[in-house]
Protein backbone atom coordinates (compact mmCIF):
# COMPACT_ATOMS: atom_id res chain seq x y z
CA UNK A 1 0.00 0.00 0.00
CA UNK A 2 1.22 3.52 -0.73
CA UNK A 3 2.41 5.80 2.05
CA UNK A 4 -0.63 8.08 1.74
CA UNK A 5 -3.03 5.20 2.23
CA UNK A 6 -0.97 3.32 4.81
CA UNK A 7 -2.71 3.17 8.16
CA UNK A 8 -6.12 4.34 6.93
CA UNK A 9 -8.74 1.90 8.15
CA UNK A 10 -12.44 1.69 7.41
CA UNK A 11 -14.39 -0.19 10.06
CA UNK A 12 -18.15 -0.13 10.60
CA UNK A 13 -18.46 2.87 8.29
CA UNK A 14 -15.81 4.95 10.11
CA UNK A 15 -12.52 6.04 8.50
CA UNK A 16 -9.51 6.71 10.74
CA UNK A 17 -5.86 7.62 10.17
CA UNK A 18 -4.72 7.52 13.78
CA UNK A 19 -5.69 7.04 17.40
CA UNK A 20 -4.30 7.11 20.92
CA UNK A 21 -2.25 3.90 20.59
CA UNK A 22 -0.58 4.65 17.24
CA UNK A 23 2.25 7.08 16.39
CA UNK A 24 0.94 10.28 14.83
CA UNK A 25 0.53 10.07 11.07
CA UNK A 26 2.87 13.01 10.33
CA UNK A 27 5.63 10.91 11.86
CA UNK A 28 4.57 7.55 10.37
CA UNK A 29 4.28 8.92 6.84
CA UNK A 30 7.67 10.60 7.12
CA UNK A 31 9.50 7.31 7.67
CA UNK A 32 10.93 5.05 5.02
CA UNK A 33 8.62 2.31 6.26
CA UNK A 34 5.19 3.85 6.87
CA UNK A 35 3.57 0.74 8.33
CA UNK A 36 2.85 0.20 12.01
CA UNK A 37 2.55 -2.78 14.29
CA UNK A 38 2.71 -3.21 18.05
CA UNK A 39 6.14 -4.57 18.84
CA UNK A 40 7.54 -3.03 15.63
CA UNK A 41 6.64 0.64 15.99
CA UNK A 42 9.99 1.92 14.68
CA UNK A 43 10.43 4.03 17.79
CA UNK A 44 13.02 6.80 17.23
CA UNK A 45 13.80 5.82 13.65
CA UNK A 46 14.60 8.70 11.22
CA UNK A 47 11.67 10.90 10.16
CA UNK A 48 11.33 13.44 7.33
CA UNK A 49 8.69 15.74 8.85
CA UNK A 50 8.23 17.77 5.66
CA UNK A 51 7.43 14.62 3.70
CA UNK A 52 5.27 13.29 6.52
CA UNK A 53 3.33 16.56 6.61
CA UNK A 54 2.61 16.50 2.87
CA UNK A 55 1.43 12.91 3.05
CA UNK A 56 -0.64 13.49 6.19
CA UNK A 57 -2.46 16.40 4.55
CA UNK A 58 -3.22 14.23 1.52
CA UNK A 59 -4.34 11.34 3.75
CA UNK A 60 -6.67 13.70 5.61
CA UNK A 61 -8.47 14.58 2.37
CA UNK A 62 -8.62 10.91 1.41
CA UNK A 63 -10.18 10.00 4.73
CA UNK A 64 -12.70 12.84 4.61
CA UNK A 65 -13.74 11.91 1.05
CA UNK A 66 -14.57 8.27 1.85
CA UNK A 67 -18.09 7.09 2.67
CA UNK A 68 -19.30 6.95 6.26
CA UNK A 69 -18.11 8.78 9.33
CA UNK A 70 -14.66 10.31 9.68
CA UNK A 71 -12.75 10.07 12.97
CA UNK A 72 -10.15 12.76 13.76
CA UNK A 73 -7.81 11.97 16.65
CA UNK A 74 -7.03 15.06 18.74
CA UNK A 75 -4.06 16.95 17.33
CA UNK A 76 -4.33 15.58 13.78
CA UNK A 77 -6.13 18.77 12.79
CA UNK A 78 -3.07 20.76 13.97
CA UNK A 79 -0.53 18.64 12.08
CA UNK A 80 1.23 17.51 15.26
CA UNK A 81 3.98 14.93 15.09
CA UNK A 82 4.92 12.13 17.49
CA UNK A 83 6.94 13.41 20.46
CA UNK A 84 9.68 10.82 20.74
CA UNK A 85 12.22 12.67 22.90
CA UNK A 86 10.21 12.57 26.13
CA UNK A 87 12.68 11.99 28.99
CA UNK A 88 12.51 8.39 30.12
CA UNK A 89 11.76 9.33 33.71
CA UNK A 90 8.63 11.24 32.60
CA UNK A 91 7.12 8.47 30.50
CA UNK A 92 3.91 7.09 31.98
CA UNK A 93 2.69 4.47 29.52
CA UNK A 94 2.74 0.95 31.06
CA UNK A 95 3.82 -0.38 27.65
CA UNK A 96 7.11 1.49 28.12
CA UNK A 97 7.85 -0.50 31.27
CA UNK A 98 6.50 -3.82 30.02
CA UNK A 99 8.67 -3.66 26.89
CA UNK A 100 11.84 -3.15 28.88
CA UNK A 101 12.00 0.54 27.83
CA UNK A 102 11.97 -0.29 24.12
CA UNK A 103 8.43 0.62 23.05
CA UNK A 104 7.58 4.26 23.77
CA UNK A 105 4.89 4.81 21.17
CA UNK A 106 1.80 5.67 23.15
CA UNK A 107 3.07 8.57 25.28
CA UNK A 108 4.29 10.39 22.18
CA UNK A 109 0.83 10.86 20.66
CA UNK A 110 -0.78 11.74 24.00
CA UNK A 111 1.22 14.89 24.75
CA UNK A 112 -1.29 17.66 25.65
CA UNK A 113 -2.43 19.89 22.81
CA UNK A 114 -1.00 23.37 22.19
CA UNK A 115 -3.79 25.95 22.21
CA UNK A 116 -2.09 29.34 22.27
CA UNK A 117 1.00 31.31 23.23
CA UNK A 118 4.67 30.91 22.38
CA UNK A 119 5.90 28.83 25.31
CA UNK A 120 4.78 25.57 26.93
CA UNK A 121 2.21 24.80 28.29
CA UNK A 122 0.67 26.68 25.31
CA UNK A 123 -2.59 27.47 27.08
CA UNK A 124 -3.26 23.86 28.06
CA UNK A 125 -2.79 24.64 31.76
CA UNK A 126 -2.13 27.71 33.89
CA UNK A 127 1.41 28.04 35.31
CA UNK A 128 2.81 26.94 37.68
CA UNK A 129 0.79 23.85 36.80
CA UNK A 130 2.47 21.85 34.03
CA UNK A 131 1.08 19.11 31.75
CA UNK A 132 1.82 15.50 32.69
CA UNK A 133 3.95 15.12 29.52
CA UNK A 134 6.22 17.88 28.14
CA UNK A 135 5.32 19.70 24.92
CA UNK A 136 8.00 20.52 22.31
CA UNK A 137 9.00 24.18 22.10
CA UNK A 138 8.62 23.89 18.30
CA UNK A 139 4.86 23.57 18.77
CA UNK A 140 4.59 27.36 19.09
CA UNK A 141 3.92 27.47 15.31
CA UNK A 142 1.32 24.68 15.59
CA UNK A 143 -0.99 26.07 18.25
CA UNK A 144 -4.65 26.43 17.38
CA UNK A 145 -4.30 30.20 17.78
CA UNK A 146 -1.28 30.39 15.45
CA UNK A 147 -3.12 28.44 12.74
CA UNK A 148 -6.48 30.15 13.18
CA UNK A 149 -6.13 32.75 10.40
CA UNK A 150 -3.54 30.96 8.24
CA UNK A 151 -5.35 29.72 5.13
CA UNK A 152 -2.47 27.32 4.38
CA UNK A 153 -2.45 25.73 7.84
CA UNK A 154 -3.42 22.20 8.80
CA UNK A 155 -6.31 23.56 10.85
CA UNK A 156 -7.69 25.50 7.90
CA UNK A 157 -7.42 22.41 5.67
CA UNK A 158 -9.51 20.38 8.10
CA UNK A 159 -12.07 23.14 8.60
CA UNK A 160 -12.61 23.63 4.87
CA UNK A 161 -12.78 19.86 4.29
CA UNK A 162 -15.34 19.40 7.07
CA UNK A 163 -17.43 22.31 5.78
CA UNK A 164 -17.43 20.92 2.23
CA UNK A 165 -18.22 17.47 3.57
CA UNK A 166 -21.37 18.87 5.16
CA UNK A 167 -22.33 20.89 2.09
CA UNK A 168 -21.74 18.33 -0.66
CA UNK A 169 -24.57 15.81 -0.82
CA UNK A 170 -22.34 13.29 -2.62
CA UNK A 171 -20.08 12.92 0.43
CA UNK A 172 -20.89 11.08 3.63
CA UNK A 173 -23.54 8.55 2.61
CA UNK A 174 -23.15 8.85 -1.16
CA UNK A 175 -21.86 6.10 -3.48
CA UNK A 176 -18.20 5.55 -4.39
CA UNK A 177 -16.87 4.43 -7.78
CA UNK A 178 -13.17 3.82 -8.46
CA UNK A 179 -11.77 5.79 -11.39
CA UNK A 180 -8.77 5.16 -13.65
CA UNK A 181 -6.35 8.10 -14.11
CA UNK A 182 -2.99 6.40 -14.50
CA UNK A 183 -0.90 3.90 -12.52
CA UNK A 184 0.28 6.38 -9.88
CA UNK A 185 -3.08 8.03 -9.18
CA UNK A 186 -5.61 6.89 -6.59
CA UNK A 187 -8.94 8.27 -7.79
CA UNK A 188 -12.63 7.75 -7.21
CA UNK A 189 -15.90 9.56 -7.78
CA UNK A 190 -18.69 10.24 -5.32
CA UNK A 191 -21.74 10.61 -7.50
CA UNK A 192 -21.55 12.48 -10.80
CA UNK A 193 -20.18 15.79 -9.52
CA UNK A 194 -17.23 14.95 -7.25
CA UNK A 195 -13.83 13.37 -7.94
CA UNK A 196 -11.03 12.61 -5.51
CA UNK A 197 -7.46 12.18 -6.78
CA UNK A 198 -4.16 11.57 -4.98
CA UNK A 199 -0.77 11.31 -6.62
CA UNK A 200 1.04 8.30 -5.15
CA UNK A 201 3.96 8.49 -7.56
CA UNK A 202 7.21 10.43 -7.77
CA UNK A 203 6.35 12.88 -10.57
CA UNK A 204 3.54 15.40 -11.18
CA UNK A 205 0.49 14.11 -13.08
CA UNK A 206 -2.37 15.91 -14.84
CA UNK A 207 -5.51 16.44 -12.81
CA UNK A 208 -8.54 14.38 -13.82
CA UNK A 209 -11.17 16.27 -15.88
CA UNK A 210 -12.94 18.76 -13.66
CA UNK A 211 -14.98 21.96 -13.58
CA UNK A 212 -13.51 23.41 -10.39
CA UNK A 213 -10.83 22.64 -7.80
CA UNK A 214 -12.66 22.56 -4.48
CA UNK A 215 -9.69 21.84 -2.21
CA UNK A 216 -6.12 20.58 -2.44
CA UNK A 217 -3.78 19.30 0.25
CA UNK A 218 -0.86 21.31 -1.19
CA UNK A 219 0.00 23.74 -4.00
CA UNK A 220 -0.88 22.59 -7.52
CA UNK A 221 1.47 23.38 -10.40
CA UNK A 222 0.28 24.31 -13.90
CA UNK A 223 -2.80 22.14 -13.62
CA UNK A 224 -0.78 19.18 -12.37
CA UNK A 225 -1.02 17.22 -9.14
CA UNK A 226 2.41 16.97 -7.43
CA UNK A 227 3.57 13.81 -5.63
CA UNK A 228 2.07 13.18 -2.18
CA UNK A 229 -0.77 15.59 -2.90
CA UNK A 230 -4.54 15.11 -3.06
CA UNK A 231 -7.36 17.18 -4.54
CA UNK A 232 -11.13 17.42 -4.35
CA UNK A 233 -12.61 18.27 -7.73
CA UNK A 234 -16.08 19.39 -8.83
CA UNK A 235 -17.04 17.80 -12.14
C-alpha atoms as a PDB file:
ATOM      1  CA  UNK A   1       0.000   0.000   0.000  1.00  0.00           C
ATOM      2  CA  UNK A   2       1.224   3.524  -0.730  1.00  0.00           C
ATOM      3  CA  UNK A   3       2.406   5.795   2.052  1.00  0.00           C
ATOM      4  CA  UNK A   4      -0.632   8.083   1.736  1.00  0.00           C
ATOM      5  CA  UNK A   5      -3.034   5.197   2.235  1.00  0.00           C
ATOM      6  CA  UNK A   6      -0.965   3.321   4.809  1.00  0.00           C
ATOM      7  CA  UNK A   7      -2.713   3.167   8.156  1.00  0.00           C
ATOM      8  CA  UNK A   8      -6.116   4.341   6.926  1.00  0.00           C
ATOM      9  CA  UNK A   9      -8.743   1.899   8.148  1.00  0.00           C
ATOM     10  CA  UNK A  10     -12.442   1.692   7.413  1.00  0.00           C
ATOM     11  CA  UNK A  11     -14.388  -0.191  10.062  1.00  0.00           C
ATOM     12  CA  UNK A  12     -18.146  -0.129  10.598  1.00  0.00           C
ATOM     13  CA  UNK A  13     -18.462   2.865   8.285  1.00  0.00           C
ATOM     14  CA  UNK A  14     -15.810   4.946  10.107  1.00  0.00           C
ATOM     15  CA  UNK A  15     -12.520   6.045   8.502  1.00  0.00           C
ATOM     16  CA  UNK A  16      -9.511   6.707  10.743  1.00  0.00           C
ATOM     17  CA  UNK A  17      -5.865   7.618  10.168  1.00  0.00           C
ATOM     18  CA  UNK A  18      -4.725   7.522  13.777  1.00  0.00           C
ATOM     19  CA  UNK A  19      -5.692   7.039  17.395  1.00  0.00           C
ATOM     20  CA  UNK A  20      -4.301   7.113  20.917  1.00  0.00           C
ATOM     21  CA  UNK A  21      -2.255   3.902  20.593  1.00  0.00           C
ATOM     22  CA  UNK A  22      -0.578   4.651  17.236  1.00  0.00           C
ATOM     23  CA  UNK A  23       2.247   7.084  16.391  1.00  0.00           C
ATOM     24  CA  UNK A  24       0.943  10.279  14.827  1.00  0.00           C
ATOM     25  CA  UNK A  25       0.534  10.075  11.071  1.00  0.00           C
ATOM     26  CA  UNK A  26       2.866  13.011  10.331  1.00  0.00           C
ATOM     27  CA  UNK A  27       5.632  10.908  11.862  1.00  0.00           C
ATOM     28  CA  UNK A  28       4.565   7.551  10.373  1.00  0.00           C
ATOM     29  CA  UNK A  29       4.279   8.918   6.838  1.00  0.00           C
ATOM     30  CA  UNK A  30       7.674  10.599   7.123  1.00  0.00           C
ATOM     31  CA  UNK A  31       9.497   7.307   7.672  1.00  0.00           C
ATOM     32  CA  UNK A  32      10.933   5.047   5.015  1.00  0.00           C
ATOM     33  CA  UNK A  33       8.616   2.305   6.262  1.00  0.00           C
ATOM     34  CA  UNK A  34       5.186   3.850   6.867  1.00  0.00           C
ATOM     35  CA  UNK A  35       3.570   0.741   8.328  1.00  0.00           C
ATOM     36  CA  UNK A  36       2.852   0.205  12.012  1.00  0.00           C
ATOM     37  CA  UNK A  37       2.555  -2.783  14.291  1.00  0.00           C
ATOM     38  CA  UNK A  38       2.714  -3.213  18.049  1.00  0.00           C
ATOM     39  CA  UNK A  39       6.138  -4.567  18.837  1.00  0.00           C
ATOM     40  CA  UNK A  40       7.542  -3.025  15.634  1.00  0.00           C
ATOM     41  CA  UNK A  41       6.635   0.638  15.992  1.00  0.00           C
ATOM     42  CA  UNK A  42       9.993   1.920  14.675  1.00  0.00           C
ATOM     43  CA  UNK A  43      10.428   4.029  17.790  1.00  0.00           C
ATOM     44  CA  UNK A  44      13.020   6.801  17.234  1.00  0.00           C
ATOM     45  CA  UNK A  45      13.798   5.817  13.647  1.00  0.00           C
ATOM     46  CA  UNK A  46      14.596   8.700  11.222  1.00  0.00           C
ATOM     47  CA  UNK A  47      11.669  10.904  10.162  1.00  0.00           C
ATOM     48  CA  UNK A  48      11.334  13.443   7.334  1.00  0.00           C
ATOM     49  CA  UNK A  49       8.694  15.739   8.855  1.00  0.00           C
ATOM     50  CA  UNK A  50       8.233  17.766   5.660  1.00  0.00           C
ATOM     51  CA  UNK A  51       7.433  14.623   3.700  1.00  0.00           C
ATOM     52  CA  UNK A  52       5.269  13.294   6.515  1.00  0.00           C
ATOM     53  CA  UNK A  53       3.330  16.557   6.610  1.00  0.00           C
ATOM     54  CA  UNK A  54       2.605  16.496   2.868  1.00  0.00           C
ATOM     55  CA  UNK A  55       1.435  12.909   3.052  1.00  0.00           C
ATOM     56  CA  UNK A  56      -0.637  13.489   6.194  1.00  0.00           C
ATOM     57  CA  UNK A  57      -2.460  16.403   4.552  1.00  0.00           C
ATOM     58  CA  UNK A  58      -3.222  14.225   1.523  1.00  0.00           C
ATOM     59  CA  UNK A  59      -4.341  11.340   3.746  1.00  0.00           C
ATOM     60  CA  UNK A  60      -6.674  13.697   5.614  1.00  0.00           C
ATOM     61  CA  UNK A  61      -8.466  14.581   2.374  1.00  0.00           C
ATOM     62  CA  UNK A  62      -8.624  10.915   1.409  1.00  0.00           C
ATOM     63  CA  UNK A  63     -10.182   9.999   4.735  1.00  0.00           C
ATOM     64  CA  UNK A  64     -12.699  12.839   4.608  1.00  0.00           C
ATOM     65  CA  UNK A  65     -13.736  11.910   1.049  1.00  0.00           C
ATOM     66  CA  UNK A  66     -14.567   8.272   1.847  1.00  0.00           C
ATOM     67  CA  UNK A  67     -18.093   7.091   2.670  1.00  0.00           C
ATOM     68  CA  UNK A  68     -19.303   6.946   6.256  1.00  0.00           C
ATOM     69  CA  UNK A  69     -18.114   8.783   9.333  1.00  0.00           C
ATOM     70  CA  UNK A  70     -14.662  10.305   9.682  1.00  0.00           C
ATOM     71  CA  UNK A  71     -12.750  10.072  12.969  1.00  0.00           C
ATOM     72  CA  UNK A  72     -10.151  12.763  13.764  1.00  0.00           C
ATOM     73  CA  UNK A  73      -7.813  11.970  16.645  1.00  0.00           C
ATOM     74  CA  UNK A  74      -7.033  15.060  18.742  1.00  0.00           C
ATOM     75  CA  UNK A  75      -4.058  16.951  17.328  1.00  0.00           C
ATOM     76  CA  UNK A  76      -4.333  15.580  13.782  1.00  0.00           C
ATOM     77  CA  UNK A  77      -6.126  18.767  12.790  1.00  0.00           C
ATOM     78  CA  UNK A  78      -3.072  20.757  13.966  1.00  0.00           C
ATOM     79  CA  UNK A  79      -0.526  18.638  12.084  1.00  0.00           C
ATOM     80  CA  UNK A  80       1.233  17.508  15.261  1.00  0.00           C
ATOM     81  CA  UNK A  81       3.984  14.928  15.090  1.00  0.00           C
ATOM     82  CA  UNK A  82       4.917  12.127  17.488  1.00  0.00           C
ATOM     83  CA  UNK A  83       6.937  13.414  20.458  1.00  0.00           C
ATOM     84  CA  UNK A  84       9.684  10.816  20.742  1.00  0.00           C
ATOM     85  CA  UNK A  85      12.217  12.670  22.902  1.00  0.00           C
ATOM     86  CA  UNK A  86      10.212  12.566  26.130  1.00  0.00           C
ATOM     87  CA  UNK A  87      12.682  11.989  28.988  1.00  0.00           C
ATOM     88  CA  UNK A  88      12.508   8.389  30.119  1.00  0.00           C
ATOM     89  CA  UNK A  89      11.758   9.330  33.711  1.00  0.00           C
ATOM     90  CA  UNK A  90       8.634  11.241  32.598  1.00  0.00           C
ATOM     91  CA  UNK A  91       7.118   8.468  30.500  1.00  0.00           C
ATOM     92  CA  UNK A  92       3.910   7.086  31.977  1.00  0.00           C
ATOM     93  CA  UNK A  93       2.692   4.465  29.524  1.00  0.00           C
ATOM     94  CA  UNK A  94       2.740   0.955  31.059  1.00  0.00           C
ATOM     95  CA  UNK A  95       3.816  -0.378  27.653  1.00  0.00           C
ATOM     96  CA  UNK A  96       7.113   1.491  28.122  1.00  0.00           C
ATOM     97  CA  UNK A  97       7.851  -0.504  31.269  1.00  0.00           C
ATOM     98  CA  UNK A  98       6.501  -3.820  30.018  1.00  0.00           C
ATOM     99  CA  UNK A  99       8.668  -3.657  26.888  1.00  0.00           C
ATOM    100  CA  UNK A 100      11.844  -3.152  28.877  1.00  0.00           C
ATOM    101  CA  UNK A 101      11.997   0.539  27.835  1.00  0.00           C
ATOM    102  CA  UNK A 102      11.975  -0.287  24.117  1.00  0.00           C
ATOM    103  CA  UNK A 103       8.434   0.621  23.050  1.00  0.00           C
ATOM    104  CA  UNK A 104       7.575   4.255  23.771  1.00  0.00           C
ATOM    105  CA  UNK A 105       4.892   4.810  21.168  1.00  0.00           C
ATOM    106  CA  UNK A 106       1.799   5.673  23.150  1.00  0.00           C
ATOM    107  CA  UNK A 107       3.072   8.572  25.276  1.00  0.00           C
ATOM    108  CA  UNK A 108       4.289  10.392  22.178  1.00  0.00           C
ATOM    109  CA  UNK A 109       0.832  10.859  20.660  1.00  0.00           C
ATOM    110  CA  UNK A 110      -0.781  11.737  23.999  1.00  0.00           C
ATOM    111  CA  UNK A 111       1.224  14.888  24.745  1.00  0.00           C
ATOM    112  CA  UNK A 112      -1.285  17.660  25.649  1.00  0.00           C
ATOM    113  CA  UNK A 113      -2.433  19.891  22.809  1.00  0.00           C
ATOM    114  CA  UNK A 114      -0.997  23.374  22.188  1.00  0.00           C
ATOM    115  CA  UNK A 115      -3.790  25.948  22.208  1.00  0.00           C
ATOM    116  CA  UNK A 116      -2.091  29.343  22.273  1.00  0.00           C
ATOM    117  CA  UNK A 117       0.997  31.311  23.229  1.00  0.00           C
ATOM    118  CA  UNK A 118       4.675  30.914  22.382  1.00  0.00           C
ATOM    119  CA  UNK A 119       5.899  28.826  25.314  1.00  0.00           C
ATOM    120  CA  UNK A 120       4.781  25.566  26.931  1.00  0.00           C
ATOM    121  CA  UNK A 121       2.209  24.800  28.287  1.00  0.00           C
ATOM    122  CA  UNK A 122       0.670  26.676  25.309  1.00  0.00           C
ATOM    123  CA  UNK A 123      -2.592  27.466  27.081  1.00  0.00           C
ATOM    124  CA  UNK A 124      -3.262  23.856  28.064  1.00  0.00           C
ATOM    125  CA  UNK A 125      -2.791  24.635  31.761  1.00  0.00           C
ATOM    126  CA  UNK A 126      -2.127  27.713  33.887  1.00  0.00           C
ATOM    127  CA  UNK A 127       1.413  28.037  35.315  1.00  0.00           C
ATOM    128  CA  UNK A 128       2.812  26.942  37.684  1.00  0.00           C
ATOM    129  CA  UNK A 129       0.787  23.849  36.798  1.00  0.00           C
ATOM    130  CA  UNK A 130       2.470  21.853  34.026  1.00  0.00           C
ATOM    131  CA  UNK A 131       1.076  19.108  31.752  1.00  0.00           C
ATOM    132  CA  UNK A 132       1.817  15.497  32.689  1.00  0.00           C
ATOM    133  CA  UNK A 133       3.945  15.118  29.519  1.00  0.00           C
ATOM    134  CA  UNK A 134       6.224  17.881  28.138  1.00  0.00           C
ATOM    135  CA  UNK A 135       5.316  19.704  24.917  1.00  0.00           C
ATOM    136  CA  UNK A 136       7.996  20.524  22.311  1.00  0.00           C
ATOM    137  CA  UNK A 137       8.996  24.181  22.100  1.00  0.00           C
ATOM    138  CA  UNK A 138       8.617  23.890  18.297  1.00  0.00           C
ATOM    139  CA  UNK A 139       4.858  23.574  18.773  1.00  0.00           C
ATOM    140  CA  UNK A 140       4.587  27.357  19.092  1.00  0.00           C
ATOM    141  CA  UNK A 141       3.920  27.469  15.312  1.00  0.00           C
ATOM    142  CA  UNK A 142       1.325  24.685  15.588  1.00  0.00           C
ATOM    143  CA  UNK A 143      -0.994  26.065  18.251  1.00  0.00           C
ATOM    144  CA  UNK A 144      -4.653  26.433  17.382  1.00  0.00           C
ATOM    145  CA  UNK A 145      -4.295  30.204  17.779  1.00  0.00           C
ATOM    146  CA  UNK A 146      -1.275  30.391  15.452  1.00  0.00           C
ATOM    147  CA  UNK A 147      -3.118  28.437  12.744  1.00  0.00           C
ATOM    148  CA  UNK A 148      -6.478  30.148  13.179  1.00  0.00           C
ATOM    149  CA  UNK A 149      -6.127  32.745  10.397  1.00  0.00           C
ATOM    150  CA  UNK A 150      -3.536  30.960   8.237  1.00  0.00           C
ATOM    151  CA  UNK A 151      -5.346  29.717   5.129  1.00  0.00           C
ATOM    152  CA  UNK A 152      -2.468  27.316   4.377  1.00  0.00           C
ATOM    153  CA  UNK A 153      -2.452  25.727   7.843  1.00  0.00           C
ATOM    154  CA  UNK A 154      -3.418  22.196   8.800  1.00  0.00           C
ATOM    155  CA  UNK A 155      -6.306  23.556  10.855  1.00  0.00           C
ATOM    156  CA  UNK A 156      -7.695  25.495   7.897  1.00  0.00           C
ATOM    157  CA  UNK A 157      -7.422  22.413   5.670  1.00  0.00           C
ATOM    158  CA  UNK A 158      -9.512  20.379   8.101  1.00  0.00           C
ATOM    159  CA  UNK A 159     -12.068  23.143   8.597  1.00  0.00           C
ATOM    160  CA  UNK A 160     -12.611  23.629   4.870  1.00  0.00           C
ATOM    161  CA  UNK A 161     -12.784  19.863   4.286  1.00  0.00           C
ATOM    162  CA  UNK A 162     -15.342  19.397   7.066  1.00  0.00           C
ATOM    163  CA  UNK A 163     -17.428  22.313   5.777  1.00  0.00           C
ATOM    164  CA  UNK A 164     -17.434  20.922   2.232  1.00  0.00           C
ATOM    165  CA  UNK A 165     -18.221  17.467   3.567  1.00  0.00           C
ATOM    166  CA  UNK A 166     -21.368  18.866   5.157  1.00  0.00           C
ATOM    167  CA  UNK A 167     -22.333  20.893   2.092  1.00  0.00           C
ATOM    168  CA  UNK A 168     -21.740  18.332  -0.658  1.00  0.00           C
ATOM    169  CA  UNK A 169     -24.570  15.813  -0.815  1.00  0.00           C
ATOM    170  CA  UNK A 170     -22.337  13.288  -2.624  1.00  0.00           C
ATOM    171  CA  UNK A 171     -20.084  12.915   0.431  1.00  0.00           C
ATOM    172  CA  UNK A 172     -20.891  11.079   3.627  1.00  0.00           C
ATOM    173  CA  UNK A 173     -23.538   8.545   2.611  1.00  0.00           C
ATOM    174  CA  UNK A 174     -23.153   8.848  -1.160  1.00  0.00           C
ATOM    175  CA  UNK A 175     -21.863   6.104  -3.480  1.00  0.00           C
ATOM    176  CA  UNK A 176     -18.199   5.554  -4.394  1.00  0.00           C
ATOM    177  CA  UNK A 177     -16.869   4.427  -7.776  1.00  0.00           C
ATOM    178  CA  UNK A 178     -13.166   3.822  -8.461  1.00  0.00           C
ATOM    179  CA  UNK A 179     -11.768   5.792 -11.392  1.00  0.00           C
ATOM    180  CA  UNK A 180      -8.766   5.164 -13.651  1.00  0.00           C
ATOM    181  CA  UNK A 181      -6.355   8.097 -14.114  1.00  0.00           C
ATOM    182  CA  UNK A 182      -2.985   6.397 -14.501  1.00  0.00           C
ATOM    183  CA  UNK A 183      -0.898   3.896 -12.521  1.00  0.00           C
ATOM    184  CA  UNK A 184       0.280   6.383  -9.885  1.00  0.00           C
ATOM    185  CA  UNK A 185      -3.078   8.034  -9.176  1.00  0.00           C
ATOM    186  CA  UNK A 186      -5.613   6.892  -6.588  1.00  0.00           C
ATOM    187  CA  UNK A 187      -8.945   8.267  -7.792  1.00  0.00           C
ATOM    188  CA  UNK A 188     -12.634   7.750  -7.212  1.00  0.00           C
ATOM    189  CA  UNK A 189     -15.895   9.564  -7.785  1.00  0.00           C
ATOM    190  CA  UNK A 190     -18.693  10.243  -5.318  1.00  0.00           C
ATOM    191  CA  UNK A 191     -21.742  10.609  -7.498  1.00  0.00           C
ATOM    192  CA  UNK A 192     -21.549  12.482 -10.798  1.00  0.00           C
ATOM    193  CA  UNK A 193     -20.177  15.790  -9.517  1.00  0.00           C
ATOM    194  CA  UNK A 194     -17.231  14.948  -7.253  1.00  0.00           C
ATOM    195  CA  UNK A 195     -13.833  13.371  -7.936  1.00  0.00           C
ATOM    196  CA  UNK A 196     -11.027  12.614  -5.511  1.00  0.00           C
ATOM    197  CA  UNK A 197      -7.464  12.184  -6.783  1.00  0.00           C
ATOM    198  CA  UNK A 198      -4.163  11.570  -4.981  1.00  0.00           C
ATOM    199  CA  UNK A 199      -0.766  11.307  -6.617  1.00  0.00           C
ATOM    200  CA  UNK A 200       1.038   8.299  -5.154  1.00  0.00           C
ATOM    201  CA  UNK A 201       3.963   8.490  -7.560  1.00  0.00           C
ATOM    202  CA  UNK A 202       7.207  10.434  -7.766  1.00  0.00           C
ATOM    203  CA  UNK A 203       6.351  12.882 -10.570  1.00  0.00           C
ATOM    204  CA  UNK A 204       3.542  15.404 -11.179  1.00  0.00           C
ATOM    205  CA  UNK A 205       0.492  14.110 -13.075  1.00  0.00           C
ATOM    206  CA  UNK A 206      -2.372  15.905 -14.842  1.00  0.00           C
ATOM    207  CA  UNK A 207      -5.505  16.440 -12.809  1.00  0.00           C
ATOM    208  CA  UNK A 208      -8.542  14.379 -13.822  1.00  0.00           C
ATOM    209  CA  UNK A 209     -11.168  16.271 -15.885  1.00  0.00           C
ATOM    210  CA  UNK A 210     -12.945  18.760 -13.660  1.00  0.00           C
ATOM    211  CA  UNK A 211     -14.981  21.955 -13.584  1.00  0.00           C
ATOM    212  CA  UNK A 212     -13.505  23.408 -10.387  1.00  0.00           C
ATOM    213  CA  UNK A 213     -10.827  22.641  -7.805  1.00  0.00           C
ATOM    214  CA  UNK A 214     -12.656  22.557  -4.480  1.00  0.00           C
ATOM    215  CA  UNK A 215      -9.691  21.844  -2.212  1.00  0.00           C
ATOM    216  CA  UNK A 216      -6.119  20.577  -2.442  1.00  0.00           C
ATOM    217  CA  UNK A 217      -3.780  19.301   0.246  1.00  0.00           C
ATOM    218  CA  UNK A 218      -0.864  21.311  -1.193  1.00  0.00           C
ATOM    219  CA  UNK A 219      -0.004  23.739  -4.005  1.00  0.00           C
ATOM    220  CA  UNK A 220      -0.876  22.591  -7.523  1.00  0.00           C
ATOM    221  CA  UNK A 221       1.470  23.383 -10.398  1.00  0.00           C
ATOM    222  CA  UNK A 222       0.284  24.315 -13.905  1.00  0.00           C
ATOM    223  CA  UNK A 223      -2.796  22.143 -13.624  1.00  0.00           C
ATOM    224  CA  UNK A 224      -0.779  19.176 -12.369  1.00  0.00           C
ATOM    225  CA  UNK A 225      -1.021  17.219  -9.142  1.00  0.00           C
ATOM    226  CA  UNK A 226       2.408  16.969  -7.430  1.00  0.00           C
ATOM    227  CA  UNK A 227       3.572  13.809  -5.628  1.00  0.00           C
ATOM    228  CA  UNK A 228       2.073  13.176  -2.177  1.00  0.00           C
ATOM    229  CA  UNK A 229      -0.774  15.593  -2.898  1.00  0.00           C
ATOM    230  CA  UNK A 230      -4.545  15.108  -3.059  1.00  0.00           C
ATOM    231  CA  UNK A 231      -7.357  17.184  -4.538  1.00  0.00           C
ATOM    232  CA  UNK A 232     -11.131  17.422  -4.346  1.00  0.00           C
ATOM    233  CA  UNK A 233     -12.612  18.267  -7.728  1.00  0.00           C
ATOM    234  CA  UNK A 234     -16.081  19.390  -8.825  1.00  0.00           C
ATOM    235  CA  UNK A 235     -17.038  17.805 -12.143  1.00  0.00           C
END
